[in-house]
Amino acid sequence: MTSLGRGFVAVVPPDDVLDAIEVRVASVRAEHEHLRWSRREQWHVTLRFLGAVPDVDALLAVLHASVAAVPGVDALTLGGAGAFPTVRRASIIWFGAREGAGALARIATAVETAAVAAGFTPEPRDFRAHLTVARVPRPRDVANVLAALGDEPVGPAWPVADVVFVSSDTRATGAVYSEVARIPLARMGA
């Protein structure tokens, strides 16, 4: 039985979308150095954070069974900067899902079902598709940062055909993510 100290299930954008995010963030990063900006290799849309995974093989088996029947997303588009928990007391700055959010939510529900079946505690918060671009060291108003990041789409739409199970090591400076497995979704339109 293989265990993992910290993991999550996510959708990882393709390189052309990551390039577009990089361009958008670079134009704002220099003006807001007080924020902890995420690195390109950390950009993903989390479907379910898991924490410690005591049995990776069992989780992967349940994930495969759960998501195999869920169709992928024909076109997912990111855009529209936002903040958690609120714009006035932000701790996280993100880009949301503009197109394809409903289909992505269905995939997240299947992942949640698999996680609970594998013994994880149900997630108490509703799923909100987002890609974190920065963390705010002390909660503050970030309306000016969101305005600078803009509400327009970031990069082209892309099809989502799989989800990624990721190992996360936070002991190093900044989190280091490693792909453990890609789990295919059902064919789109199936």
N, C-alpha and C. Protein backbone atom coordinates (compact mmCIF):
# COMPACT_ATOMS: atom_id res chain seq x y z
N MET A 1 0.86 -1.18 0.00
CA MET A 1 0.00 0.00 0.00
C MET A 1 0.90 1.24 0.00
N THR A 2 0.70 2.09 -1.00
CA THR A 2 1.46 3.33 -1.12
C THR A 2 0.67 4.47 -0.49
N SER A 3 1.36 5.27 0.31
CA SER A 3 0.69 6.43 0.92
C SER A 3 1.33 7.71 0.38
N LEU A 4 0.65 8.81 0.64
CA LEU A 4 1.10 10.11 0.15
C LEU A 4 0.80 11.13 1.24
N GLY A 5 1.77 12.01 1.51
CA GLY A 5 1.60 12.99 2.59
C GLY A 5 0.56 14.07 2.30
N ARG A 6 0.42 14.43 1.02
CA ARG A 6 -0.52 15.51 0.67
C ARG A 6 -0.83 15.40 -0.81
N GLY A 7 -2.11 15.40 -1.16
CA GLY A 7 -2.47 15.29 -2.56
C GLY A 7 -3.77 16.00 -2.87
N PHE A 8 -4.03 16.15 -4.16
CA PHE A 8 -5.28 16.74 -4.63
C PHE A 8 -5.55 16.27 -6.05
N VAL A 9 -6.77 16.47 -6.50
CA VAL A 9 -7.18 16.13 -7.86
C VAL A 9 -7.49 17.44 -8.57
N ALA A 10 -6.99 17.59 -9.79
CA ALA A 10 -7.10 18.88 -10.48
C ALA A 10 -7.23 18.71 -11.99
N VAL A 11 -7.51 19.83 -12.63
CA VAL A 11 -7.44 19.97 -14.08
C VAL A 11 -6.27 20.92 -14.34
N VAL A 12 -5.36 20.51 -15.21
CA VAL A 12 -4.19 21.33 -15.52
C VAL A 12 -4.35 21.91 -16.92
N PRO A 13 -4.30 23.24 -17.03
CA PRO A 13 -4.44 23.86 -18.35
C PRO A 13 -3.26 23.51 -19.27
N PRO A 14 -3.50 23.51 -20.59
CA PRO A 14 -2.42 23.27 -21.54
C PRO A 14 -1.46 24.47 -21.60
N ASP A 15 -0.33 24.25 -22.25
CA ASP A 15 0.72 25.28 -22.29
C ASP A 15 0.26 26.62 -22.84
N ASP A 16 -0.58 26.62 -23.89
CA ASP A 16 -0.98 27.92 -24.46
C ASP A 16 -1.83 28.73 -23.48
N VAL A 17 -2.59 28.05 -22.64
CA VAL A 17 -3.37 28.75 -21.62
C VAL A 17 -2.43 29.23 -20.51
N LEU A 18 -1.49 28.38 -20.12
CA LEU A 18 -0.50 28.79 -19.11
C LEU A 18 0.30 29.99 -19.60
N ASP A 19 0.64 30.00 -20.90
CA ASP A 19 1.35 31.16 -21.47
C ASP A 19 0.53 32.43 -21.32
N ALA A 20 -0.76 32.34 -21.60
CA ALA A 20 -1.64 33.51 -21.51
C ALA A 20 -1.78 33.98 -20.06
N ILE A 21 -1.88 33.04 -19.13
CA ILE A 21 -1.95 33.42 -17.72
C ILE A 21 -0.66 34.14 -17.32
N GLU A 22 0.46 33.60 -17.77
CA GLU A 22 1.76 34.20 -17.45
C GLU A 22 1.85 35.64 -17.94
N VAL A 23 1.39 35.88 -19.15
CA VAL A 23 1.41 37.23 -19.71
C VAL A 23 0.52 38.16 -18.89
N ARG A 24 -0.68 37.69 -18.57
CA ARG A 24 -1.63 38.53 -17.81
C ARG A 24 -1.08 38.84 -16.42
N VAL A 25 -0.55 37.83 -15.74
CA VAL A 25 -0.04 38.02 -14.38
C VAL A 25 1.22 38.89 -14.38
N ALA A 26 2.09 38.70 -15.36
CA ALA A 26 3.33 39.48 -15.41
C ALA A 26 3.05 40.98 -15.49
N SER A 27 1.98 41.33 -16.16
CA SER A 27 1.66 42.75 -16.30
C SER A 27 1.21 43.38 -14.99
N VAL A 28 0.86 42.55 -14.01
CA VAL A 28 0.35 43.05 -12.73
C VAL A 28 1.33 42.78 -11.58
N ARG A 29 2.09 41.71 -11.69
CA ARG A 29 2.99 41.27 -10.61
C ARG A 29 3.94 42.37 -10.14
N ALA A 30 4.58 43.07 -11.05
CA ALA A 30 5.57 44.09 -10.68
C ALA A 30 4.96 45.23 -9.86
N GLU A 31 3.70 45.52 -10.11
CA GLU A 31 3.02 46.60 -9.39
C GLU A 31 2.53 46.17 -8.01
N HIS A 32 2.51 44.86 -7.78
CA HIS A 32 1.95 44.33 -6.53
C HIS A 32 2.88 43.26 -5.96
N GLU A 33 4.10 43.67 -5.65
CA GLU A 33 5.12 42.74 -5.15
C GLU A 33 4.82 42.25 -3.74
N HIS A 34 3.89 42.90 -3.04
CA HIS A 34 3.54 42.49 -1.68
C HIS A 34 2.74 41.18 -1.67
N LEU A 35 2.27 40.73 -2.82
CA LEU A 35 1.53 39.48 -2.91
C LEU A 35 2.48 38.31 -3.16
N ARG A 36 2.09 37.11 -2.76
CA ARG A 36 2.88 35.91 -3.05
C ARG A 36 2.29 35.29 -4.31
N TRP A 37 2.91 35.57 -5.44
CA TRP A 37 2.41 35.11 -6.73
C TRP A 37 2.76 33.65 -6.94
N SER A 38 1.80 32.87 -7.37
CA SER A 38 2.02 31.46 -7.68
C SER A 38 2.89 31.34 -8.92
N ARG A 39 3.65 30.26 -8.97
CA ARG A 39 4.49 29.98 -10.14
C ARG A 39 3.69 29.18 -11.17
N ARG A 40 4.12 29.27 -12.40
CA ARG A 40 3.46 28.59 -13.52
C ARG A 40 3.23 27.11 -13.23
N GLU A 41 4.21 26.44 -12.68
CA GLU A 41 4.08 25.00 -12.43
C GLU A 41 3.08 24.68 -11.31
N GLN A 42 2.57 25.70 -10.64
CA GLN A 42 1.56 25.52 -9.60
C GLN A 42 0.14 25.81 -10.11
N TRP A 43 -0.01 26.28 -11.33
CA TRP A 43 -1.33 26.68 -11.82
C TRP A 43 -2.16 25.47 -12.24
N HIS A 44 -3.32 25.35 -11.62
CA HIS A 44 -4.26 24.26 -11.88
C HIS A 44 -5.62 24.67 -11.32
N VAL A 45 -6.64 23.94 -11.70
CA VAL A 45 -7.98 24.12 -11.13
C VAL A 45 -8.22 22.92 -10.22
N THR A 46 -8.23 23.15 -8.92
CA THR A 46 -8.43 22.06 -7.96
C THR A 46 -9.88 21.59 -8.00
N LEU A 47 -10.04 20.29 -8.17
CA LEU A 47 -11.36 19.68 -8.11
C LEU A 47 -11.66 19.20 -6.69
N ARG A 48 -10.60 18.70 -6.01
CA ARG A 48 -10.78 18.24 -4.62
C ARG A 48 -9.42 18.16 -3.95
N PHE A 49 -9.23 18.93 -2.87
CA PHE A 49 -8.05 18.79 -2.03
C PHE A 49 -8.27 17.59 -1.13
N LEU A 50 -7.24 16.75 -0.97
CA LEU A 50 -7.39 15.53 -0.19
C LEU A 50 -6.58 15.54 1.11
N GLY A 51 -5.45 16.22 1.12
CA GLY A 51 -4.55 16.12 2.27
C GLY A 51 -3.82 14.79 2.20
N ALA A 52 -3.59 14.17 3.36
CA ALA A 52 -2.88 12.89 3.41
C ALA A 52 -3.72 11.81 2.73
N VAL A 53 -3.04 10.99 1.92
CA VAL A 53 -3.72 9.89 1.21
C VAL A 53 -3.08 8.58 1.70
N PRO A 54 -3.78 7.86 2.59
CA PRO A 54 -3.18 6.65 3.17
C PRO A 54 -3.02 5.49 2.19
N ASP A 55 -3.88 5.40 1.17
CA ASP A 55 -3.80 4.30 0.21
C ASP A 55 -4.04 4.86 -1.20
N VAL A 56 -2.96 5.20 -1.87
CA VAL A 56 -3.03 5.81 -3.20
C VAL A 56 -3.71 4.87 -4.19
N ASP A 57 -3.35 3.60 -4.17
CA ASP A 57 -3.91 2.65 -5.14
C ASP A 57 -5.42 2.52 -4.99
N ALA A 58 -5.90 2.46 -3.75
CA ALA A 58 -7.36 2.36 -3.52
C ALA A 58 -8.06 3.63 -4.02
N LEU A 59 -7.48 4.79 -3.72
CA LEU A 59 -8.08 6.04 -4.19
C LEU A 59 -8.11 6.08 -5.71
N LEU A 60 -7.02 5.72 -6.37
CA LEU A 60 -6.98 5.75 -7.83
C LEU A 60 -8.01 4.81 -8.44
N ALA A 61 -8.21 3.65 -7.84
CA ALA A 61 -9.21 2.70 -8.35
C ALA A 61 -10.61 3.31 -8.27
N VAL A 62 -10.92 3.95 -7.15
CA VAL A 62 -12.24 4.56 -6.98
C VAL A 62 -12.39 5.77 -7.91
N LEU A 63 -11.33 6.55 -8.06
CA LEU A 63 -11.38 7.71 -8.97
C LEU A 63 -11.64 7.26 -10.40
N HIS A 64 -10.89 6.24 -10.84
CA HIS A 64 -11.09 5.73 -12.20
C HIS A 64 -12.54 5.31 -12.42
N ALA A 65 -13.09 4.57 -11.46
CA ALA A 65 -14.46 4.08 -11.59
C ALA A 65 -15.47 5.23 -11.59
N SER A 66 -15.21 6.24 -10.79
CA SER A 66 -16.16 7.35 -10.64
C SER A 66 -16.15 8.31 -11.83
N VAL A 67 -14.96 8.66 -12.32
CA VAL A 67 -14.90 9.68 -13.38
C VAL A 67 -14.98 9.09 -14.78
N ALA A 68 -14.83 7.78 -14.91
CA ALA A 68 -14.86 7.17 -16.24
C ALA A 68 -16.17 7.39 -16.97
N ALA A 69 -17.25 7.57 -16.22
CA ALA A 69 -18.57 7.75 -16.85
C ALA A 69 -18.93 9.22 -17.05
N VAL A 70 -18.09 10.12 -16.55
CA VAL A 70 -18.39 11.55 -16.63
C VAL A 70 -17.74 12.13 -17.89
N PRO A 71 -18.55 12.76 -18.75
CA PRO A 71 -17.96 13.34 -19.96
C PRO A 71 -16.99 14.47 -19.64
N GLY A 72 -15.97 14.58 -20.48
CA GLY A 72 -15.04 15.69 -20.37
C GLY A 72 -15.73 17.00 -20.72
N VAL A 73 -14.96 18.05 -20.74
CA VAL A 73 -15.48 19.39 -21.05
C VAL A 73 -15.06 19.73 -22.48
N ASP A 74 -16.03 20.09 -23.32
CA ASP A 74 -15.72 20.46 -24.70
C ASP A 74 -14.82 21.69 -24.75
N ALA A 75 -15.15 22.70 -23.95
CA ALA A 75 -14.39 23.94 -23.98
C ALA A 75 -14.42 24.60 -22.61
N LEU A 76 -13.26 24.67 -21.97
CA LEU A 76 -13.12 25.36 -20.70
C LEU A 76 -12.33 26.63 -20.94
N THR A 77 -12.83 27.73 -20.44
CA THR A 77 -12.15 29.02 -20.57
C THR A 77 -12.01 29.64 -19.19
N LEU A 78 -10.83 30.18 -18.93
CA LEU A 78 -10.60 30.89 -17.67
C LEU A 78 -10.72 32.39 -17.91
N GLY A 79 -11.00 33.11 -16.84
CA GLY A 79 -11.06 34.56 -16.92
C GLY A 79 -11.90 35.14 -15.82
N GLY A 80 -11.81 36.41 -15.63
CA GLY A 80 -12.56 37.06 -14.57
C GLY A 80 -11.86 36.86 -13.25
N ALA A 81 -11.04 37.82 -12.86
CA ALA A 81 -10.31 37.72 -11.60
C ALA A 81 -11.27 37.87 -10.42
N GLY A 82 -10.99 37.13 -9.37
CA GLY A 82 -11.79 37.19 -8.16
C GLY A 82 -10.93 36.94 -6.94
N ALA A 83 -11.56 36.95 -5.76
CA ALA A 83 -10.81 36.77 -4.51
C ALA A 83 -11.63 35.98 -3.51
N PHE A 84 -10.94 35.22 -2.68
CA PHE A 84 -11.54 34.51 -1.54
C PHE A 84 -10.97 35.11 -0.27
N PRO A 85 -11.71 35.25 0.82
CA PRO A 85 -13.14 35.01 0.88
C PRO A 85 -13.95 36.16 0.30
N THR A 86 -13.42 37.39 0.35
CA THR A 86 -14.10 38.54 -0.27
C THR A 86 -13.04 39.46 -0.86
N VAL A 87 -13.46 40.35 -1.73
CA VAL A 87 -12.54 41.31 -2.34
C VAL A 87 -11.94 42.22 -1.27
N ARG A 88 -12.71 42.60 -0.27
CA ARG A 88 -12.23 43.53 0.76
C ARG A 88 -11.33 42.90 1.81
N ARG A 89 -11.42 41.58 1.98
CA ARG A 89 -10.58 40.89 2.96
C ARG A 89 -9.98 39.64 2.30
N ALA A 90 -9.33 39.84 1.19
CA ALA A 90 -8.86 38.73 0.37
C ALA A 90 -7.64 38.03 0.98
N SER A 91 -7.61 36.72 0.78
CA SER A 91 -6.42 35.95 1.11
C SER A 91 -5.92 35.20 -0.14
N ILE A 92 -6.79 35.04 -1.13
CA ILE A 92 -6.43 34.35 -2.38
C ILE A 92 -7.00 35.13 -3.56
N ILE A 93 -6.20 35.26 -4.61
CA ILE A 93 -6.63 35.90 -5.86
C ILE A 93 -6.61 34.84 -6.95
N TRP A 94 -7.66 34.81 -7.77
CA TRP A 94 -7.81 33.73 -8.74
C TRP A 94 -8.45 34.20 -10.04
N PHE A 95 -8.35 33.31 -11.05
CA PHE A 95 -9.14 33.42 -12.27
C PHE A 95 -10.20 32.32 -12.19
N GLY A 96 -11.42 32.66 -12.54
CA GLY A 96 -12.51 31.70 -12.50
C GLY A 96 -12.70 31.00 -13.83
N ALA A 97 -13.63 30.06 -13.84
CA ALA A 97 -14.01 29.38 -15.08
C ALA A 97 -15.14 30.18 -15.71
N ARG A 98 -14.96 30.60 -16.94
CA ARG A 98 -15.98 31.38 -17.65
C ARG A 98 -16.90 30.47 -18.44
N GLU A 99 -16.33 29.70 -19.33
CA GLU A 99 -17.09 28.77 -20.17
C GLU A 99 -16.75 27.36 -19.69
N GLY A 100 -17.75 26.50 -19.57
CA GLY A 100 -17.51 25.13 -19.16
C GLY A 100 -17.58 24.89 -17.66
N ALA A 101 -17.98 25.90 -16.90
CA ALA A 101 -18.01 25.77 -15.43
C ALA A 101 -18.99 24.68 -14.98
N GLY A 102 -20.14 24.57 -15.64
CA GLY A 102 -21.13 23.56 -15.26
C GLY A 102 -20.60 22.15 -15.47
N ALA A 103 -19.96 21.93 -16.61
CA ALA A 103 -19.39 20.60 -16.89
C ALA A 103 -18.26 20.29 -15.91
N LEU A 104 -17.48 21.29 -15.57
CA LEU A 104 -16.40 21.10 -14.61
C LEU A 104 -16.96 20.77 -13.23
N ALA A 105 -18.07 21.39 -12.86
CA ALA A 105 -18.71 21.09 -11.58
C ALA A 105 -19.19 19.64 -11.53
N ARG A 106 -19.67 19.10 -12.65
CA ARG A 106 -20.09 17.70 -12.69
C ARG A 106 -18.89 16.77 -12.46
N ILE A 107 -17.75 17.13 -13.03
CA ILE A 107 -16.54 16.34 -12.82
C ILE A 107 -16.12 16.42 -11.35
N ALA A 108 -16.18 17.61 -10.78
CA ALA A 108 -15.82 17.79 -9.37
C ALA A 108 -16.74 16.97 -8.46
N THR A 109 -18.01 16.87 -8.82
CA THR A 109 -18.95 16.06 -8.04
C THR A 109 -18.55 14.59 -8.09
N ALA A 110 -18.15 14.10 -9.26
CA ALA A 110 -17.70 12.71 -9.39
C ALA A 110 -16.43 12.47 -8.57
N VAL A 111 -15.53 13.43 -8.58
CA VAL A 111 -14.30 13.32 -7.79
C VAL A 111 -14.63 13.31 -6.30
N GLU A 112 -15.56 14.18 -5.89
CA GLU A 112 -15.99 14.22 -4.49
C GLU A 112 -16.61 12.89 -4.08
N THR A 113 -17.45 12.32 -4.92
CA THR A 113 -18.07 11.02 -4.65
C THR A 113 -16.99 9.96 -4.45
N ALA A 114 -15.99 9.97 -5.31
CA ALA A 114 -14.89 9.01 -5.20
C ALA A 114 -14.10 9.22 -3.90
N ALA A 115 -13.83 10.46 -3.57
CA ALA A 115 -13.07 10.75 -2.35
C ALA A 115 -13.80 10.25 -1.11
N VAL A 116 -15.10 10.50 -1.05
CA VAL A 116 -15.90 10.04 0.10
C VAL A 116 -15.94 8.51 0.13
N ALA A 117 -16.09 7.88 -1.04
CA ALA A 117 -16.10 6.41 -1.11
C ALA A 117 -14.76 5.82 -0.66
N ALA A 118 -13.69 6.58 -0.84
CA ALA A 118 -12.35 6.13 -0.44
C ALA A 118 -12.07 6.45 1.03
N GLY A 119 -13.05 7.04 1.73
CA GLY A 119 -12.89 7.27 3.16
C GLY A 119 -12.56 8.68 3.58
N PHE A 120 -12.53 9.62 2.63
CA PHE A 120 -12.26 11.01 2.97
C PHE A 120 -13.53 11.67 3.49
N THR A 121 -13.36 12.62 4.40
CA THR A 121 -14.48 13.38 4.94
C THR A 121 -15.08 14.23 3.83
N PRO A 122 -16.41 14.30 3.73
CA PRO A 122 -17.02 15.14 2.69
C PRO A 122 -16.55 16.59 2.78
N GLU A 123 -16.35 17.19 1.63
CA GLU A 123 -15.93 18.60 1.55
C GLU A 123 -17.10 19.47 2.00
N PRO A 124 -16.91 20.33 3.01
CA PRO A 124 -18.02 21.14 3.50
C PRO A 124 -18.38 22.33 2.61
N ARG A 125 -17.44 22.76 1.76
CA ARG A 125 -17.70 23.93 0.91
C ARG A 125 -18.16 23.49 -0.47
N ASP A 126 -18.98 24.34 -1.07
CA ASP A 126 -19.40 24.10 -2.45
C ASP A 126 -18.20 24.29 -3.37
N PHE A 127 -18.18 23.54 -4.47
CA PHE A 127 -17.11 23.66 -5.46
C PHE A 127 -17.22 25.00 -6.17
N ARG A 128 -16.11 25.67 -6.31
CA ARG A 128 -16.03 26.92 -7.07
C ARG A 128 -14.79 26.85 -7.93
N ALA A 129 -14.97 26.66 -9.23
CA ALA A 129 -13.84 26.49 -10.14
C ALA A 129 -12.99 27.75 -10.18
N HIS A 130 -11.70 27.59 -9.88
CA HIS A 130 -10.78 28.73 -9.90
C HIS A 130 -9.35 28.24 -10.01
N LEU A 131 -8.50 29.11 -10.51
CA LEU A 131 -7.08 28.86 -10.61
C LEU A 131 -6.39 29.96 -9.80
N THR A 132 -5.73 29.59 -8.72
CA THR A 132 -5.09 30.57 -7.82
C THR A 132 -3.86 31.16 -8.50
N VAL A 133 -3.80 32.50 -8.53
CA VAL A 133 -2.62 33.16 -9.09
C VAL A 133 -1.79 33.87 -8.02
N ALA A 134 -2.40 34.18 -6.86
CA ALA A 134 -1.63 34.85 -5.81
C ALA A 134 -2.29 34.62 -4.46
N ARG A 135 -1.45 34.70 -3.43
CA ARG A 135 -1.92 34.66 -2.05
C ARG A 135 -1.59 35.99 -1.42
N VAL A 136 -2.48 36.43 -0.53
CA VAL A 136 -2.32 37.73 0.12
C VAL A 136 -1.82 37.46 1.54
N PRO A 137 -0.61 37.95 1.89
CA PRO A 137 -0.03 37.64 3.20
C PRO A 137 -0.92 38.03 4.39
N ARG A 138 -1.52 39.19 4.32
CA ARG A 138 -2.47 39.65 5.34
C ARG A 138 -3.74 40.05 4.61
N PRO A 139 -4.90 39.57 5.06
CA PRO A 139 -6.14 39.92 4.36
C PRO A 139 -6.26 41.42 4.14
N ARG A 140 -6.59 41.80 2.92
CA ARG A 140 -6.73 43.21 2.56
C ARG A 140 -7.61 43.35 1.34
N ASP A 141 -7.96 44.58 1.05
CA ASP A 141 -8.76 44.89 -0.13
C ASP A 141 -7.87 44.76 -1.37
N VAL A 142 -8.33 43.96 -2.34
CA VAL A 142 -7.55 43.74 -3.56
C VAL A 142 -8.31 44.17 -4.81
N ALA A 143 -9.26 45.08 -4.66
CA ALA A 143 -10.06 45.52 -5.82
C ALA A 143 -9.16 46.05 -6.93
N ASN A 144 -8.10 46.77 -6.57
CA ASN A 144 -7.21 47.32 -7.59
C ASN A 144 -6.44 46.22 -8.33
N VAL A 145 -6.09 45.15 -7.64
CA VAL A 145 -5.39 44.03 -8.28
C VAL A 145 -6.34 43.31 -9.24
N LEU A 146 -7.57 43.09 -8.79
CA LEU A 146 -8.55 42.40 -9.65
C LEU A 146 -8.85 43.23 -10.89
N ALA A 147 -8.95 44.55 -10.71
CA ALA A 147 -9.20 45.42 -11.87
C ALA A 147 -8.03 45.33 -12.86
N ALA A 148 -6.81 45.27 -12.34
CA ALA A 148 -5.64 45.18 -13.21
C ALA A 148 -5.58 43.83 -13.93
N LEU A 149 -5.98 42.75 -13.25
CA LEU A 149 -5.98 41.43 -13.88
C LEU A 149 -7.10 41.31 -14.91
N GLY A 150 -8.18 42.04 -14.71
CA GLY A 150 -9.25 42.13 -15.70
C GLY A 150 -10.28 41.03 -15.61
N ASP A 151 -11.33 41.24 -16.37
CA ASP A 151 -12.45 40.31 -16.40
C ASP A 151 -12.50 39.53 -17.72
N GLU A 152 -11.59 39.83 -18.63
CA GLU A 152 -11.61 39.20 -19.95
C GLU A 152 -11.13 37.75 -19.86
N PRO A 153 -11.46 36.95 -20.86
CA PRO A 153 -10.93 35.57 -20.89
C PRO A 153 -9.41 35.58 -20.91
N VAL A 154 -8.83 34.55 -20.31
CA VAL A 154 -7.37 34.40 -20.28
C VAL A 154 -7.03 33.17 -21.10
N GLY A 155 -6.49 33.39 -22.27
CA GLY A 155 -6.11 32.28 -23.13
C GLY A 155 -7.30 31.68 -23.86
N PRO A 156 -7.01 30.73 -24.74
CA PRO A 156 -8.07 30.09 -25.53
C PRO A 156 -8.84 29.06 -24.71
N ALA A 157 -10.00 28.69 -25.21
CA ALA A 157 -10.76 27.58 -24.62
C ALA A 157 -10.01 26.29 -24.94
N TRP A 158 -10.12 25.32 -24.03
CA TRP A 158 -9.48 24.04 -24.29
C TRP A 158 -10.38 22.90 -23.81
N PRO A 159 -10.25 21.72 -24.45
CA PRO A 159 -11.03 20.57 -24.00
C PRO A 159 -10.37 19.92 -22.79
N VAL A 160 -11.18 19.46 -21.86
CA VAL A 160 -10.68 18.74 -20.68
C VAL A 160 -11.06 17.28 -20.85
N ALA A 161 -10.06 16.44 -21.05
CA ALA A 161 -10.29 15.02 -21.30
C ALA A 161 -9.87 14.14 -20.13
N ASP A 162 -9.21 14.72 -19.12
CA ASP A 162 -8.78 13.94 -17.97
C ASP A 162 -8.63 14.83 -16.75
N VAL A 163 -8.50 14.17 -15.60
CA VAL A 163 -8.17 14.86 -14.36
C VAL A 163 -6.81 14.32 -13.92
N VAL A 164 -6.14 15.09 -13.09
CA VAL A 164 -4.79 14.73 -12.67
C VAL A 164 -4.77 14.58 -11.15
N PHE A 165 -4.23 13.46 -10.68
CA PHE A 165 -4.00 13.26 -9.26
C PHE A 165 -2.58 13.74 -9.00
N VAL A 166 -2.43 14.70 -8.07
CA VAL A 166 -1.18 15.40 -7.86
C VAL A 166 -0.69 15.21 -6.42
N SER A 167 0.62 15.00 -6.29
CA SER A 167 1.28 14.99 -4.99
C SER A 167 1.81 16.39 -4.74
N SER A 168 1.62 16.88 -3.52
CA SER A 168 2.03 18.23 -3.19
C SER A 168 3.00 18.19 -2.01
N ASP A 169 4.20 18.74 -2.21
CA ASP A 169 5.20 18.82 -1.15
C ASP A 169 5.36 20.28 -0.78
N THR A 170 4.92 20.64 0.41
CA THR A 170 4.98 22.05 0.83
C THR A 170 6.16 22.31 1.76
N ARG A 171 7.05 21.33 1.93
CA ARG A 171 8.20 21.54 2.83
C ARG A 171 9.23 22.46 2.21
N ALA A 172 9.31 22.47 0.90
CA ALA A 172 10.27 23.34 0.21
C ALA A 172 9.71 24.76 0.17
N THR A 173 10.52 25.71 -0.28
CA THR A 173 10.04 27.07 -0.46
C THR A 173 9.06 27.06 -1.62
N GLY A 174 7.81 27.34 -1.34
CA GLY A 174 6.77 27.23 -2.36
C GLY A 174 6.46 25.77 -2.58
N ALA A 175 5.25 25.47 -2.86
CA ALA A 175 4.83 24.08 -3.05
C ALA A 175 5.43 23.50 -4.33
N VAL A 176 5.78 22.23 -4.26
CA VAL A 176 6.27 21.49 -5.42
C VAL A 176 5.23 20.42 -5.73
N TYR A 177 4.69 20.46 -6.95
CA TYR A 177 3.65 19.53 -7.36
C TYR A 177 4.22 18.50 -8.32
N SER A 178 3.81 17.24 -8.14
CA SER A 178 4.23 16.16 -9.02
C SER A 178 3.01 15.37 -9.46
N GLU A 179 2.91 15.13 -10.75
CA GLU A 179 1.79 14.34 -11.26
C GLU A 179 1.98 12.88 -10.86
N VAL A 180 0.95 12.31 -10.23
CA VAL A 180 0.97 10.90 -9.84
C VAL A 180 0.27 10.08 -10.93
N ALA A 181 -0.90 10.56 -11.38
CA ALA A 181 -1.66 9.82 -12.40
C ALA A 181 -2.61 10.75 -13.12
N ARG A 182 -2.86 10.42 -14.40
CA ARG A 182 -3.92 11.08 -15.18
C ARG A 182 -5.05 10.08 -15.31
N ILE A 183 -6.25 10.57 -15.04
CA ILE A 183 -7.41 9.70 -15.05
C ILE A 183 -8.34 10.19 -16.16
N PRO A 184 -8.55 9.38 -17.20
CA PRO A 184 -9.38 9.84 -18.32
C PRO A 184 -10.86 9.95 -17.96
N LEU A 185 -11.49 10.96 -18.52
CA LEU A 185 -12.95 11.13 -18.43
C LEU A 185 -13.58 10.42 -19.61
N ALA A 186 -14.90 10.28 -19.58
CA ALA A 186 -15.59 9.70 -20.73
C ALA A 186 -15.42 10.63 -21.93
N ARG A 187 -15.50 10.06 -23.11
CA ARG A 187 -15.40 10.88 -24.30
C ARG A 187 -16.48 11.94 -24.29
N MET A 188 -16.13 13.14 -24.75
CA MET A 188 -17.11 14.22 -24.82
C MET A 188 -18.18 13.85 -25.83
N GLY A 189 -19.41 14.14 -25.49
CA GLY A 189 -20.53 13.82 -26.37
C GLY A 189 -20.98 12.37 -26.25
N ALA A 190 -20.32 11.61 -25.35
CA ALA A 190 -20.69 10.19 -25.19
C ALA A 190 -21.87 10.06 -24.24
